[in-house]
Protein backbone atom coordinates (compact mmCIF):
# COMPACT_ATOMS: atom_id res chain seq x y z
CA MET A 1 165.23 100.24 90.04
CA VAL A 2 163.21 102.63 91.88
CA GLU A 3 159.71 101.11 91.35
CA LYS A 4 161.39 97.66 92.06
CA ILE A 5 162.49 99.20 95.78
CA PHE A 6 159.43 100.31 96.43
CA LEU A 7 157.53 97.54 95.28
CA SER A 8 159.49 95.79 97.65
CA PHE A 9 157.87 97.49 100.73
CA TYR A 10 154.28 96.73 99.23
CA GLU A 11 153.14 94.81 101.87
CA GLN A 12 153.93 97.54 104.45
CA LEU A 13 152.48 100.31 102.55
CA GLU A 14 149.29 98.68 102.23
CA GLU A 15 148.82 97.61 105.99
CA ARG A 16 149.49 101.40 106.27
CA LYS A 17 146.85 102.23 103.46
CA ILE A 18 149.38 104.34 101.53
CA GLU A 19 148.53 104.62 97.76
CA LEU A 20 151.84 105.16 95.76
CA LEU A 21 151.27 107.01 92.40
CA PHE A 22 154.08 106.68 89.98
CA PRO A 23 154.35 108.68 86.93
CA GLU A 24 154.45 107.79 82.93
CA PRO A 25 157.47 105.95 82.48
CA ILE A 26 159.87 108.13 80.82
CA ASN A 27 162.57 106.61 78.18
CA ASP A 28 165.07 104.80 80.22
CA GLN A 29 167.55 106.95 81.59
CA GLN A 30 171.20 106.20 82.49
CA ILE A 31 172.15 106.91 86.30
CA ILE A 32 176.02 107.04 86.89
CA ALA A 33 175.76 106.31 91.00
CA ASP A 34 177.18 103.80 93.53
CA LYS A 35 174.14 101.08 92.99
CA LEU A 36 174.32 100.52 96.70
CA MET A 37 174.23 104.12 97.98
CA LEU A 38 171.66 104.86 95.80
CA THR A 39 169.35 101.91 96.75
CA GLN A 40 169.97 103.06 100.52
CA VAL A 41 168.47 106.54 99.81
CA ILE A 42 165.77 105.14 97.91
CA GLN A 43 165.10 102.43 100.79
CA ASN A 44 165.41 105.66 103.62
CA ILE A 45 162.61 107.54 101.57
CA VAL A 46 160.24 104.53 101.43
CA GLN A 47 160.95 104.37 105.43
CA ASN A 48 160.28 107.78 105.76
CA ILE A 49 157.21 107.49 103.67
CA LEU A 50 156.05 105.06 106.02
CA ARG A 51 156.98 106.70 108.96
CA TYR A 52 155.00 110.18 108.11
CA ALA A 53 153.08 109.90 105.12
CA HIS A 54 149.07 109.92 105.93
CA SER A 55 147.56 108.00 102.92
CA GLU A 56 149.50 108.71 99.55
CA ALA A 57 153.11 109.48 97.92
CA VAL A 58 153.59 110.76 94.65
CA ILE A 59 156.73 109.80 92.86
CA SER A 60 157.98 112.03 89.75
CA TYR A 61 160.59 112.36 87.40
CA ARG A 62 161.88 115.15 85.11
CA ASN A 63 164.60 115.64 82.65
CA GLU A 64 166.43 119.11 83.12
CA GLU A 65 169.26 119.95 81.27
CA ASN A 66 171.63 116.54 81.47
CA TYR A 67 169.73 115.60 84.45
CA LEU A 68 167.28 113.64 85.80
CA ILE A 69 165.22 115.01 88.64
CA PHE A 70 163.37 112.78 91.16
CA THR A 71 160.77 113.84 93.65
CA VAL A 72 158.70 112.36 96.47
CA LYS A 73 155.87 113.99 97.69
CA ASN A 74 153.72 112.79 100.38
CA ASP A 75 150.86 114.11 102.87
CA ILE A 76 151.59 113.83 106.58
CA LYS A 77 149.71 112.20 109.53
CA PRO A 78 147.94 114.65 111.11
CA ASP A 79 149.76 113.93 114.70
CA SER A 80 153.17 114.38 112.65
CA LYS A 81 155.37 116.55 114.13
CA VAL A 82 158.25 116.74 112.05
CA ALA A 83 161.00 119.44 112.10
CA VAL A 84 161.37 120.72 109.01
CA GLU A 85 164.65 121.91 109.47
CA LYS A 86 166.46 118.62 110.66
CA VAL A 87 164.92 116.20 108.26
CA LEU A 88 168.16 115.86 106.19
CA PHE A 89 170.27 115.48 109.24
CA ARG A 90 171.63 111.75 108.91
CA PHE A 91 170.11 110.27 111.90
CA TYR A 92 167.32 112.56 112.58
CA THR A 93 164.10 111.12 114.02
CA GLU A 94 160.67 112.49 115.28
CA SER A 95 160.25 109.38 117.60
CA PRO A 96 162.68 109.17 120.78
CA ALA A 97 162.15 105.28 120.38
CA ASP A 98 163.81 105.19 117.05
CA ARG A 99 167.15 107.27 118.15
CA THR A 100 169.63 105.04 118.44
CA ARG A 101 172.89 107.66 117.75
CA ASN A 102 172.46 111.23 118.79
CA LEU A 103 172.43 114.03 116.27
CA VAL A 104 175.32 116.22 115.77
CA ASP A 105 175.09 119.84 114.33
């Protein structure tokens, strides 16, 4: 599912010359989650990569006890000024042009 969502953004990633590095496949893992919400989260991650990544994003998975840990790392464009303490806010964006709602602390 994750790879399928990332690949749906293939043309945009290619335009921005962002290389995706996926891990070796691990055994199929069952995830109990709301499919729509999980899809939205992954799409948001891809959109953030498109917005802030310079040239690559590395996607990885690992099993830890009864959990599947999903990690995404990317380099940052030289001109990006990301306020790290705010990136998890629901409507946070660094570009004033992208703002459609105000942040609420």
